Amino acid sequence: MKTIAISILGTQLDYAGKNTRRWSKWRPNVGLCSQPDLIIDELHLLHEKRSQKLADTIEEDIHSVSPETSVTHQLIEFQNPWDFEEVYSKLFDFCRSINFDTDKNNYLFHITTGTHVAQICAFLLTESRHFPGRLIQTSPAGNDKVSGTHQIIDLDLSRYDHIASRFREQRLEGEDFLKGGIATKNRNFNQLITQVEKVAIRSQAPILFTGPTGAGKSQLASRVYELKKRREMVSGPFVSVNCATLRGDNAMAALFGHTKGAFTGAQRSREGFLKSADQGVLFLDEIGELGLDEQAMLLHALENKSFYPVGSDKEINSDFQLIAGTNRNLFEDSVNGRFREDLLARINLWTYQLPALKERREDIEPNIDYELRQYVEKYATNVDFNKEARDKFLAFALSPSSQWKGNFRDLNAAIIRMATLAEGARITLREVKEEIERLSQQWSSGQTTTVENVISQILSSEQIADLDSFDQNQLNYVLNCCRQHPSMAAAGRELFNVSRTLKKQSNDSSRLQKYLAKFSISWADINK
């Protein structure tokens, strides 16, 4: 492969007079082409018209030390070589004029000559791959006064093992922070967190967290903010608002603020949540509960970074990142006219469905440990399970009968109750059995659906009559589980929670599909 270099003529460094004494001084461009272990096949020498004589001298001397080097003169006129915009634009245009062929040629950009501005521009063009090569730096060090030495700098950071490992460590630290330090094992959840971490540090666009109540939307939103704050990406506060608590006129005033006397009871002005979140993050939990008027004003605020407080004709500016949370299907709500389609389009760039706790049964054990650590830190008491009690509660928590309707809120409450009632800083079988009974009663209350009623929505009475009682009850359990999950894979993870861990590759969807096929039932039949 040929080596092609681009270099700016150094009007000071490359000049050493016209007589033979010039060979006693190191000159960057002559030295570049004099390296014993680097052959420059082509040198594109960038210079102004007024420096033509110096450029001719340098070309002549390069031919003396490196006859194989072909020198091409490239005229570039800089009105002000210290004007960043001008220098970058002209070097950018020069790079665009070259038909780079990286399969046949290696490209080097010589950054020893030229102003510091030009050197910075060369770096930026190389880093952005507008110049698809590497940087080369020469210096007069060494025994040879003419050649000096050179150093090639590759800006492809992935090639540097130590730097790449630092990036990986930093990314993993960010992911671990978003997970609250919990060693989660659920693959889908971990993949979700990996992408959320990237989006959190690379984007200021709205983020939408969906999922059932208690799945951890507000905690994750708070951690996204803390991660951005660590990276100094935000300077304002984290403002968390539960939209379900905002009703009527108070909703508009609470969000957007109001002036004194704007309405009855407005004894003084109020800046509102959107203004409070300026330069920070605004978390609107249960955003689907907002009224259509509030949704319209929120859309205007997101697109224009400004809004009108209630009772004011003066616009207020506020630049914040929005994180929204909901347990509702906003797409269905937009079809039914309960949620603005244009607002949904605006906040739907980064949407993440947080799974329910029962869909992450492999993560229940580390979350039990996490909740217990949180209790210990909050109440400054060193409480723990004894082994028998821990095994009993873990077996219950992982069993298919554990519904975890309130998700992490249920788990958090269970740990708090057992830790509070424990004697001698030890949770025993007594506290565990009491808690299991309490949770079981809590989850079973209000359940009135019978086997026949569930099956009759999918199978005909003749088909049901042909089933054994065992099959009816088993199928009922499976159908109930399927209806509680957004996908066949998610339902399969709950139904085959133990056996799937014994296989090298899980095939939950296929196993569930084959089981349902025995009764001529498809996934579409269950969710129609």
Protein backbone atom coordinates (compact mmCIF):
# COMPACT_ATOMS: atom_id res chain seq x y z
CA MET A 1 0.00 0.00 0.00
CA LYS A 2 1.12 3.55 -0.71
CA THR A 3 1.55 6.10 2.07
CA ILE A 4 0.14 9.53 1.31
CA ALA A 5 0.77 12.45 3.67
CA ILE A 6 -0.81 15.88 3.94
CA SER A 7 1.24 18.65 5.51
CA ILE A 8 1.11 22.42 5.88
CA LEU A 9 4.26 24.30 4.89
CA GLY A 10 5.91 25.78 7.97
CA THR A 11 6.95 29.28 7.02
CA GLN A 12 9.16 29.48 10.12
CA LEU A 13 10.19 25.89 10.86
CA ASP A 14 10.74 24.87 7.22
CA TYR A 15 12.85 27.94 6.41
CA ALA A 16 16.62 27.63 6.95
CA GLY A 17 18.13 29.87 4.33
CA LYS A 18 19.16 29.08 0.77
CA ASN A 19 22.73 27.84 1.09
CA THR A 20 24.04 24.50 2.25
CA ARG A 21 23.79 25.54 5.91
CA ARG A 22 20.12 24.65 5.71
CA TRP A 23 21.14 20.99 5.98
CA SER A 24 22.45 21.61 9.49
CA LYS A 25 18.95 22.48 10.71
CA TRP A 26 15.98 20.16 11.22
CA ARG A 27 13.03 21.03 9.02
CA PRO A 28 9.67 19.29 9.65
CA ASN A 29 8.64 18.48 6.07
CA VAL A 30 12.11 17.40 4.96
CA GLY A 31 12.40 15.37 8.16
CA LEU A 32 9.01 13.75 7.51
CA CYS A 33 10.26 12.35 4.22
CA SER A 34 13.65 11.34 5.70
CA GLN A 35 12.45 8.74 8.20
CA PRO A 36 14.44 5.51 7.78
CA ASP A 37 11.46 3.28 8.65
CA LEU A 38 8.72 5.28 6.89
CA ILE A 39 8.47 5.91 3.15
CA ILE A 40 6.20 8.74 2.06
CA ASP A 41 5.07 7.98 -1.48
CA GLU A 42 3.08 11.18 -1.93
CA LEU A 43 3.21 14.46 -0.03
CA HIS A 44 0.47 17.04 -0.50
CA LEU A 45 2.15 20.27 0.61
CA LEU A 46 -0.38 22.95 1.58
CA HIS A 47 0.82 26.54 1.31
CA GLU A 48 -0.10 30.07 0.26
CA LYS A 49 0.93 31.55 -3.07
CA ARG A 50 3.37 33.98 -1.42
CA SER A 51 5.31 31.01 0.00
CA GLN A 52 5.85 29.38 -3.41
CA LYS A 53 9.67 29.85 -3.39
CA LEU A 54 10.01 28.21 0.02
CA ALA A 55 7.73 25.38 -1.11
CA ASP A 56 9.90 24.83 -4.21
CA THR A 57 13.01 24.66 -2.04
CA ILE A 58 11.40 22.13 0.28
CA GLU A 59 10.29 20.02 -2.71
CA GLU A 60 13.84 20.08 -4.11
CA ASP A 61 15.36 19.03 -0.78
CA ILE A 62 12.78 16.26 -0.31
CA HIS A 63 13.78 14.86 -3.71
CA SER A 64 17.39 14.85 -2.50
CA VAL A 65 16.67 12.76 0.61
CA SER A 66 13.71 10.76 -0.73
CA PRO A 67 13.65 10.47 -4.54
CA GLU A 68 10.65 8.13 -4.34
CA THR A 69 8.47 10.86 -2.79
CA SER A 70 6.17 12.73 -5.17
CA VAL A 71 5.40 16.26 -3.94
CA THR A 72 2.15 17.95 -4.95
CA HIS A 73 1.61 21.62 -4.24
CA GLN A 74 -1.83 22.58 -2.90
CA LEU A 75 -2.56 26.30 -2.73
CA ILE A 76 -4.72 27.39 0.22
CA GLU A 77 -5.03 31.03 1.13
CA PHE A 78 -5.82 31.86 4.76
CA GLN A 79 -6.91 35.45 5.32
CA ASN A 80 -6.44 34.86 9.04
CA PRO A 81 -4.66 31.59 9.96
CA TRP A 82 -5.89 32.02 13.55
CA ASP A 83 -9.57 32.19 12.55
CA PHE A 84 -10.92 28.77 13.52
CA GLU A 85 -14.00 28.93 11.26
CA GLU A 86 -12.00 29.92 8.18
CA VAL A 87 -9.20 27.40 8.70
CA TYR A 88 -11.55 24.52 9.46
CA SER A 89 -13.79 25.31 6.46
CA LYS A 90 -10.90 25.43 4.01
CA LEU A 91 -9.24 22.27 5.33
CA PHE A 92 -12.64 20.56 5.32
CA ASP A 93 -13.19 21.55 1.68
CA PHE A 94 -9.71 20.32 0.82
CA CYS A 95 -10.40 16.91 2.37
CA ARG A 96 -13.68 16.66 0.49
CA SER A 97 -11.84 17.32 -2.78
CA ILE A 98 -9.71 14.19 -2.33
CA ASN A 99 -10.95 10.84 -3.58
CA PHE A 100 -9.70 8.75 -0.66
CA ASP A 101 -9.07 5.05 -1.34
CA THR A 102 -8.31 3.44 2.02
CA ASP A 103 -8.10 -0.04 0.48
CA LYS A 104 -5.01 0.95 -1.50
CA ASN A 105 -3.50 3.80 0.50
CA ASN A 106 -2.51 4.72 4.04
CA TYR A 107 -3.13 8.39 4.86
CA LEU A 108 -1.24 10.59 7.32
CA PHE A 109 -1.91 14.17 8.40
CA HIS A 110 1.30 15.92 9.52
CA ILE A 111 0.47 18.17 12.50
CA THR A 112 3.92 19.57 13.34
CA THR A 113 3.61 22.65 11.14
CA GLY A 114 0.93 25.30 10.78
CA THR A 115 -0.73 27.34 13.53
CA HIS A 116 -2.21 25.69 16.61
CA VAL A 117 -5.61 26.37 15.07
CA ALA A 118 -4.67 24.39 11.97
CA GLN A 119 -3.36 21.54 14.11
CA ILE A 120 -6.63 21.44 16.07
CA CYS A 121 -8.60 21.40 12.81
CA ALA A 122 -6.48 18.53 11.50
CA PHE A 123 -7.23 16.62 14.69
CA LEU A 124 -10.98 17.23 14.39
CA LEU A 125 -11.10 16.21 10.72
CA THR A 126 -9.19 13.03 11.48
CA GLU A 127 -11.24 12.18 14.56
CA SER A 128 -14.49 12.67 12.61
CA ARG A 129 -13.11 10.52 9.75
CA HIS A 130 -13.49 13.31 7.19
CA PHE A 131 -9.79 12.60 6.81
CA PRO A 132 -9.73 8.78 6.95
CA GLY A 133 -6.23 8.34 8.26
CA ARG A 134 -3.93 8.93 11.19
CA LEU A 135 -1.97 11.85 12.58
CA ILE A 136 1.81 12.00 12.44
CA GLN A 137 4.02 14.21 14.62
CA THR A 138 7.71 14.84 13.86
CA SER A 139 10.40 16.35 16.11
CA PRO A 140 14.12 17.18 15.94
CA ALA A 141 15.01 14.63 18.62
CA GLY A 142 17.59 11.95 17.80
CA ASN A 143 21.10 11.84 16.38
CA ASP A 144 20.18 12.67 12.77
CA LYS A 145 19.77 16.44 12.51
CA VAL A 146 17.91 16.15 9.22
CA SER A 147 15.48 13.32 9.94
CA GLY A 148 14.66 13.67 13.61
CA THR A 149 11.97 11.25 14.82
CA HIS A 150 8.27 10.68 14.22
CA GLN A 151 5.25 9.42 16.12
CA ILE A 152 2.05 8.16 14.49
CA ILE A 153 -1.18 8.75 16.44
CA ASP A 154 -4.23 6.59 15.71
CA LEU A 155 -7.47 8.23 16.88
CA ASP A 156 -9.45 4.98 16.66
CA LEU A 157 -9.78 4.62 20.44
CA SER A 158 -11.17 1.09 20.15
CA ARG A 159 -7.66 -0.05 19.18
CA TYR A 160 -6.20 1.03 22.49
CA ASP A 161 -6.87 -1.76 24.96
CA HIS A 162 -6.40 0.34 28.08
CA ILE A 163 -8.62 3.18 26.86
CA ALA A 164 -11.25 0.74 25.59
CA SER A 165 -11.27 -1.02 28.96
CA ARG A 166 -11.68 2.34 30.72
CA PHE A 167 -14.69 3.09 28.51
CA ARG A 168 -16.17 -0.33 29.30
CA GLU A 169 -15.60 0.17 33.01
CA GLN A 170 -17.23 3.60 32.92
CA ARG A 171 -20.22 2.23 31.00
CA LEU A 172 -20.61 -0.65 33.45
CA GLU A 173 -20.36 1.80 36.35
CA GLY A 174 -23.19 3.80 34.79
CA GLU A 175 -25.33 0.70 34.28
CA ASP A 176 -24.62 -0.49 37.83
CA PHE A 177 -25.64 2.93 39.14
CA LEU A 178 -28.92 2.87 37.18
CA LYS A 179 -29.67 -0.54 38.70
CA GLY A 180 -29.00 0.77 42.20
CA GLY A 181 -26.02 -1.56 42.57
CA ILE A 182 -28.30 -4.62 42.28
CA ALA A 183 -26.72 -7.57 40.47
CA THR A 184 -29.69 -8.20 38.20
CA LYS A 185 -29.71 -11.33 36.05
CA ASN A 186 -32.73 -10.82 33.79
CA ARG A 187 -31.31 -10.49 30.29
CA ASN A 188 -34.08 -8.28 28.89
CA PHE A 189 -33.91 -5.89 31.84
CA ASN A 190 -30.12 -5.68 31.63
CA GLN A 191 -30.31 -4.92 27.90
CA LEU A 192 -32.86 -2.21 28.65
CA ILE A 193 -30.56 -0.63 31.26
CA THR A 194 -27.61 -0.75 28.85
CA GLN A 195 -29.51 1.31 26.30
CA VAL A 196 -30.99 3.69 28.90
CA GLU A 197 -27.44 4.43 30.09
CA LYS A 198 -26.34 5.32 26.56
CA VAL A 199 -29.37 7.52 25.98
CA ALA A 200 -28.99 9.23 29.37
CA ILE A 201 -25.46 10.46 28.62
CA ARG A 202 -25.90 11.12 24.89
CA SER A 203 -29.35 12.66 24.54
CA GLN A 204 -31.46 15.46 25.96
CA ALA A 205 -34.63 14.20 24.25
CA PRO A 206 -37.68 13.07 26.28
CA ILE A 207 -37.66 9.55 27.72
CA LEU A 208 -40.84 7.55 28.36
CA PHE A 209 -40.92 4.74 30.94
CA THR A 210 -43.96 2.49 30.76
CA GLY A 211 -44.92 -0.47 32.92
CA PRO A 212 -47.13 -1.50 35.81
CA THR A 213 -47.35 0.43 39.07
CA GLY A 214 -44.40 -0.34 41.31
CA ALA A 215 -42.10 -1.53 38.49
CA GLY A 216 -39.51 1.12 39.41
CA LYS A 217 -40.19 3.93 36.93
CA SER A 218 -39.68 6.78 39.39
CA GLN A 219 -36.52 5.23 40.86
CA LEU A 220 -35.00 4.75 37.41
CA ALA A 221 -35.90 8.32 36.42
CA SER A 222 -34.18 9.63 39.55
CA ARG A 223 -31.06 7.58 38.81
CA VAL A 224 -30.96 8.83 35.22
CA TYR A 225 -30.89 12.35 36.62
CA GLU A 226 -28.14 11.50 39.12
CA LEU A 227 -26.07 9.90 36.35
CA LYS A 228 -26.43 13.02 34.19
CA LYS A 229 -25.52 15.18 37.17
CA ARG A 230 -22.38 13.12 37.78
CA ARG A 231 -21.34 13.78 34.19
CA GLU A 232 -22.15 17.50 34.66
CA MET A 233 -24.79 17.32 31.95
CA VAL A 234 -27.41 19.08 34.08
CA SER A 235 -27.08 21.89 36.59
CA GLY A 236 -30.70 22.21 37.67
CA PRO A 237 -32.76 20.04 40.05
CA PHE A 238 -34.73 16.83 39.65
CA VAL A 239 -38.41 17.74 39.89
CA SER A 240 -40.78 14.78 40.32
CA VAL A 241 -44.53 15.24 39.83
CA ASN A 242 -47.29 12.62 40.13
CA CYS A 243 -49.80 13.83 37.55
CA ALA A 244 -52.54 11.70 39.13
CA THR A 245 -52.57 14.16 42.05
CA LEU A 246 -53.19 17.18 39.79
CA ARG A 247 -56.84 17.99 39.25
CA GLY A 248 -58.80 20.81 37.59
CA ASP A 249 -57.45 24.36 37.59
CA ASN A 250 -54.80 23.40 40.10
CA ALA A 251 -53.15 21.15 37.50
CA MET A 252 -52.44 24.00 35.09
CA ALA A 253 -51.24 26.34 37.84
CA ALA A 254 -49.06 23.68 39.48
CA LEU A 255 -47.33 22.77 36.24
CA PHE A 256 -46.97 26.14 34.55
CA GLY A 257 -47.23 28.53 37.49
CA HIS A 258 -49.57 31.48 37.90
CA THR A 259 -49.58 35.17 38.63
CA LYS A 260 -50.97 36.80 41.75
CA GLY A 261 -54.75 37.09 41.46
CA ALA A 262 -54.95 34.80 38.40
CA PHE A 263 -57.84 32.98 40.05
CA THR A 264 -59.69 32.85 43.37
CA GLY A 265 -57.21 31.95 46.09
CA ALA A 266 -54.09 32.94 44.12
CA GLN A 267 -52.75 35.21 46.87
CA ARG A 268 -49.23 35.25 45.41
CA SER A 269 -47.49 34.21 42.22
CA ARG A 270 -46.03 30.73 41.77
CA GLU A 271 -43.38 29.64 39.28
CA GLY A 272 -44.67 26.08 38.70
CA PHE A 273 -42.92 22.73 38.24
CA LEU A 274 -41.74 23.37 34.66
CA LYS A 275 -39.88 26.51 35.67
CA SER A 276 -38.47 24.82 38.78
CA ALA A 277 -36.93 22.13 36.54
CA ASP A 278 -35.01 24.67 34.41
CA GLN A 279 -31.58 23.24 33.42
CA GLY A 280 -32.54 19.99 35.16
CA VAL A 281 -34.88 17.03 34.70
CA LEU A 282 -38.68 17.04 35.04
CA PHE A 283 -40.24 13.65 35.81
CA LEU A 284 -43.96 13.51 35.10
CA ASP A 285 -45.18 10.23 36.56
CA GLU A 286 -48.56 8.99 35.31
CA ILE A 287 -48.44 11.50 32.47
CA GLY A 288 -51.53 9.85 31.00
CA GLU A 289 -53.60 11.42 33.79
CA LEU A 290 -53.00 14.96 32.49
CA GLY A 291 -55.95 16.73 30.88
CA LEU A 292 -55.90 17.60 27.18
CA ASP A 293 -55.34 21.32 27.89
CA GLU A 294 -52.31 20.57 30.05
CA GLN A 295 -51.02 18.19 27.37
CA ALA A 296 -51.25 20.94 24.73
CA MET A 297 -49.32 23.41 26.89
CA LEU A 298 -46.71 20.78 27.74
CA LEU A 299 -46.15 20.09 24.04
CA HIS A 300 -45.65 23.82 23.42
CA ALA A 301 -43.17 23.99 26.31
CA LEU A 302 -41.19 21.02 24.98
CA GLU A 303 -40.98 22.39 21.45
CA ASN A 304 -40.34 26.05 22.29
CA LYS A 305 -38.72 25.80 25.74
CA SER A 306 -41.21 28.45 26.85
CA PHE A 307 -44.80 28.75 28.10
CA TYR A 308 -47.31 31.20 29.62
CA PRO A 309 -48.12 30.94 33.34
CA VAL A 310 -51.82 31.08 34.20
CA GLY A 311 -53.00 34.68 34.14
CA SER A 312 -49.86 36.04 32.47
CA ASP A 313 -49.25 37.39 28.96
CA LYS A 314 -45.48 37.17 29.44
CA GLU A 315 -43.71 34.03 28.25
CA ILE A 316 -41.43 32.18 30.67
CA ASN A 317 -38.37 30.26 29.45
CA SER A 318 -37.39 26.88 30.86
CA ASP A 319 -34.98 24.36 29.34
CA PHE A 320 -35.39 20.94 30.93
CA GLN A 321 -35.26 17.29 29.93
CA LEU A 322 -38.55 15.47 30.29
CA ILE A 323 -38.82 11.94 31.63
CA ALA A 324 -42.38 10.63 31.64
CA GLY A 325 -43.85 7.55 33.29
CA THR A 326 -47.15 5.75 32.81
CA ASN A 327 -48.87 2.45 33.50
CA ARG A 328 -51.43 3.19 30.79
CA ASN A 329 -51.38 2.34 27.11
CA LEU A 330 -50.90 5.82 25.68
CA PHE A 331 -51.21 4.57 22.11
CA GLU A 332 -54.67 3.22 22.89
CA ASP A 333 -55.50 6.44 24.74
CA SER A 334 -54.46 8.53 21.73
CA VAL A 335 -56.78 6.50 19.48
CA ASN A 336 -59.62 7.08 21.95
CA GLY A 337 -58.89 10.81 22.19
CA ARG A 338 -57.69 10.71 25.82
CA PHE A 339 -54.07 11.55 24.98
CA ARG A 340 -52.83 13.93 22.32
CA GLU A 341 -51.27 12.13 19.37
CA ASP A 342 -48.79 14.96 18.72
CA LEU A 343 -47.55 14.92 22.33
CA LEU A 344 -47.17 11.14 22.22
CA ALA A 345 -45.12 11.45 19.04
CA ARG A 346 -42.91 14.02 20.81
CA ILE A 347 -42.20 11.89 23.90
CA ASN A 348 -42.03 8.52 22.15
CA LEU A 349 -38.47 8.83 20.82
CA TRP A 350 -37.02 6.73 23.66
CA THR A 351 -39.67 4.46 25.17
CA TYR A 352 -38.85 1.63 27.56
CA GLN A 353 -41.27 -0.95 28.97
CA LEU A 354 -40.20 -1.85 32.51
CA PRO A 355 -41.12 -5.46 33.26
CA ALA A 356 -43.15 -6.48 36.29
CA LEU A 357 -41.35 -8.16 39.16
CA LYS A 358 -42.98 -11.52 38.39
CA GLU A 359 -41.41 -11.31 34.92
CA ARG A 360 -37.98 -10.99 36.55
CA ARG A 361 -38.07 -13.80 39.07
CA GLU A 362 -34.32 -14.37 38.70
CA ASP A 363 -33.90 -10.81 40.05
CA ILE A 364 -36.03 -11.31 43.15
CA GLU A 365 -33.21 -12.66 45.33
CA PRO A 366 -30.77 -9.75 44.69
CA ASN A 367 -33.65 -7.32 45.24
CA ILE A 368 -34.46 -8.94 48.58
CA ASP A 369 -30.84 -8.31 49.59
CA TYR A 370 -31.06 -4.74 48.28
CA GLU A 371 -34.26 -3.95 50.19
CA LEU A 372 -32.76 -5.36 53.38
CA ARG A 373 -29.62 -3.21 52.92
CA GLN A 374 -31.82 -0.16 52.42
CA TYR A 375 -33.67 -0.92 55.66
CA VAL A 376 -30.39 -1.37 57.57
CA GLU A 377 -29.03 1.95 56.27
CA LYS A 378 -32.24 3.87 56.93
CA TYR A 379 -32.88 2.59 60.45
CA ALA A 380 -29.25 1.98 61.49
CA THR A 381 -29.95 -1.54 62.69
CA ASN A 382 -28.13 -4.67 61.56
CA VAL A 383 -31.09 -6.98 60.85
CA ASP A 384 -30.87 -10.11 58.68
CA PHE A 385 -32.63 -13.44 57.92
CA ASN A 386 -31.61 -16.65 59.58
CA LYS A 387 -30.90 -19.31 56.94
CA GLU A 388 -34.13 -21.27 57.38
CA ALA A 389 -36.26 -18.14 57.20
CA ARG A 390 -34.44 -16.83 54.14
CA ASP A 391 -34.84 -20.12 52.27
CA LYS A 392 -38.55 -20.21 53.13
CA PHE A 393 -39.25 -16.66 51.98
CA LEU A 394 -37.15 -17.03 48.83
CA ALA A 395 -38.96 -20.23 47.86
CA PHE A 396 -42.30 -18.44 48.29
CA ALA A 397 -41.12 -15.34 46.42
CA LEU A 398 -39.96 -17.42 43.44
CA SER A 399 -42.99 -19.69 43.29
CA PRO A 400 -45.55 -19.23 40.48
CA SER A 401 -48.23 -18.58 43.10
CA SER A 402 -46.52 -15.34 44.13
CA GLN A 403 -48.22 -12.68 42.05
CA TRP A 404 -46.35 -9.56 43.25
CA LYS A 405 -49.24 -7.37 42.13
CA GLY A 406 -47.61 -4.27 43.56
CA ASN A 407 -44.23 -5.30 42.14
CA PHE A 408 -41.29 -3.78 44.05
CA ARG A 409 -43.63 -1.93 46.38
CA ASP A 410 -44.94 -5.25 47.61
CA LEU A 411 -41.40 -6.56 48.09
CA ASN A 412 -40.26 -3.40 49.83
CA ALA A 413 -43.25 -3.47 52.19
CA ALA A 414 -42.70 -7.17 52.96
CA ILE A 415 -39.06 -6.62 53.93
CA ILE A 416 -39.91 -3.60 56.07
CA ARG A 417 -42.63 -5.50 57.94
CA MET A 418 -40.47 -8.56 58.62
CA ALA A 419 -37.42 -6.50 59.61
CA THR A 420 -39.50 -4.33 61.96
CA LEU A 421 -41.12 -7.30 63.70
CA ALA A 422 -37.89 -9.30 63.98
CA GLU A 423 -36.55 -9.95 67.48
CA GLY A 424 -32.84 -9.88 68.16
CA ALA A 425 -32.01 -8.49 64.70
CA ARG A 426 -32.97 -11.81 63.12
CA ILE A 427 -35.91 -12.50 60.80
CA THR A 428 -37.14 -15.97 61.70
CA LEU A 429 -39.63 -18.46 60.31
CA ARG A 430 -42.37 -16.87 62.39
CA GLU A 431 -42.07 -13.47 60.66
CA VAL A 432 -41.73 -15.15 57.25
CA LYS A 433 -44.83 -17.32 57.69
CA GLU A 434 -46.86 -14.34 58.87
CA GLU A 435 -45.73 -12.32 55.86
CA ILE A 436 -46.47 -15.13 53.41
CA GLU A 437 -49.99 -15.40 54.80
CA ARG A 438 -50.48 -11.64 54.65
CA LEU A 439 -49.31 -11.38 51.03
CA SER A 440 -51.34 -14.41 49.95
CA GLN A 441 -54.52 -12.93 51.42
CA GLN A 442 -53.74 -9.55 49.90
CA TRP A 443 -53.27 -11.00 46.41
CA SER A 444 -56.25 -13.35 46.59
CA SER A 445 -58.74 -10.67 47.61
CA GLY A 446 -61.04 -9.71 44.79
CA GLN A 447 -60.27 -12.74 42.64
CA THR A 448 -63.61 -14.15 41.50
CA THR A 449 -62.86 -15.40 37.99
CA THR A 450 -63.70 -19.09 37.62
CA VAL A 451 -62.11 -21.67 35.38
CA GLU A 452 -65.19 -22.01 33.19
CA ASN A 453 -65.59 -18.24 32.72
CA VAL A 454 -61.99 -17.80 31.55
CA ILE A 455 -62.00 -20.73 29.17
CA SER A 456 -65.42 -19.89 27.77
CA GLN A 457 -64.00 -16.63 26.39
CA ILE A 458 -61.67 -18.64 24.17
CA LEU A 459 -63.10 -22.18 23.77
CA SER A 460 -66.61 -23.28 22.99
CA SER A 461 -68.72 -25.15 25.54
CA GLU A 462 -68.28 -28.35 23.49
CA GLN A 463 -64.51 -28.02 23.60
CA ILE A 464 -64.55 -27.38 27.35
CA ALA A 465 -66.75 -30.43 27.93
CA ASP A 466 -64.14 -32.64 26.24
CA LEU A 467 -61.42 -31.57 28.70
CA ASP A 468 -60.54 -33.38 31.91
CA SER A 469 -60.85 -31.37 35.11
CA PHE A 470 -57.05 -31.46 35.42
CA ASP A 471 -56.61 -29.94 31.93
CA GLN A 472 -59.26 -27.30 32.61
CA ASN A 473 -57.51 -26.06 35.75
CA GLN A 474 -54.05 -26.19 34.23
CA LEU A 475 -55.17 -24.40 31.07
CA ASN A 476 -56.96 -21.78 33.18
CA TYR A 477 -53.73 -20.99 35.03
CA VAL A 478 -51.79 -20.72 31.77
CA LEU A 479 -54.39 -18.46 30.14
CA ASN A 480 -54.49 -16.17 33.18
CA CYS A 481 -50.72 -15.91 33.11
CA CYS A 482 -50.72 -15.15 29.37
CA ARG A 483 -53.21 -12.32 29.79
CA GLN A 484 -50.96 -10.64 32.34
CA HIS A 485 -48.00 -10.39 29.97
CA PRO A 486 -47.36 -8.34 26.82
CA SER A 487 -45.71 -11.19 24.92
CA MET A 488 -45.54 -14.97 24.70
CA ALA A 489 -41.88 -14.86 25.73
CA ALA A 490 -42.70 -12.92 28.91
CA ALA A 491 -45.48 -15.35 29.85
CA GLY A 492 -43.18 -18.28 29.13
CA ARG A 493 -40.51 -16.88 31.45
CA GLU A 494 -42.99 -17.01 34.34
CA LEU A 495 -44.51 -20.38 33.47
CA PHE A 496 -41.15 -22.13 32.99
CA ASN A 497 -39.25 -20.14 35.62
CA VAL A 498 -37.35 -23.15 37.00
CA SER A 499 -36.87 -25.49 34.05
CA ARG A 500 -35.67 -22.64 31.79
CA THR A 501 -32.65 -22.09 34.05
CA LEU A 502 -31.53 -25.69 33.50
CA LYS A 503 -31.27 -25.24 29.72
CA LYS A 504 -28.35 -23.70 27.85
CA GLN A 505 -30.82 -21.86 25.62
CA SER A 506 -34.30 -20.95 26.74
CA ASN A 507 -37.16 -21.57 24.31
CA ASP A 508 -40.04 -20.24 26.41
CA SER A 509 -42.10 -18.98 23.46
CA SER A 510 -41.83 -22.25 21.57
CA ARG A 511 -42.76 -24.35 24.62
CA LEU A 512 -45.79 -22.20 25.39
CA GLN A 513 -46.86 -22.14 21.75
CA LYS A 514 -46.76 -25.94 21.56
CA TYR A 515 -48.78 -26.27 24.79
CA LEU A 516 -51.50 -23.92 23.55
CA ALA A 517 -51.55 -25.65 20.17
CA LYS A 518 -52.74 -28.84 21.93
CA PHE A 519 -55.99 -26.97 22.55
CA SER A 520 -55.97 -25.20 19.15
CA ILE A 521 -55.30 -21.86 20.87
CA SER A 522 -53.00 -19.16 19.47
CA TRP A 523 -51.56 -16.08 21.17
CA ALA A 524 -53.91 -13.93 19.11
CA ASP A 525 -56.89 -15.88 20.49
CA ILE A 526 -55.91 -15.02 24.07
CA ASN A 527 -55.54 -11.29 23.53
CA LYS A 528 -58.33 -10.60 21.06
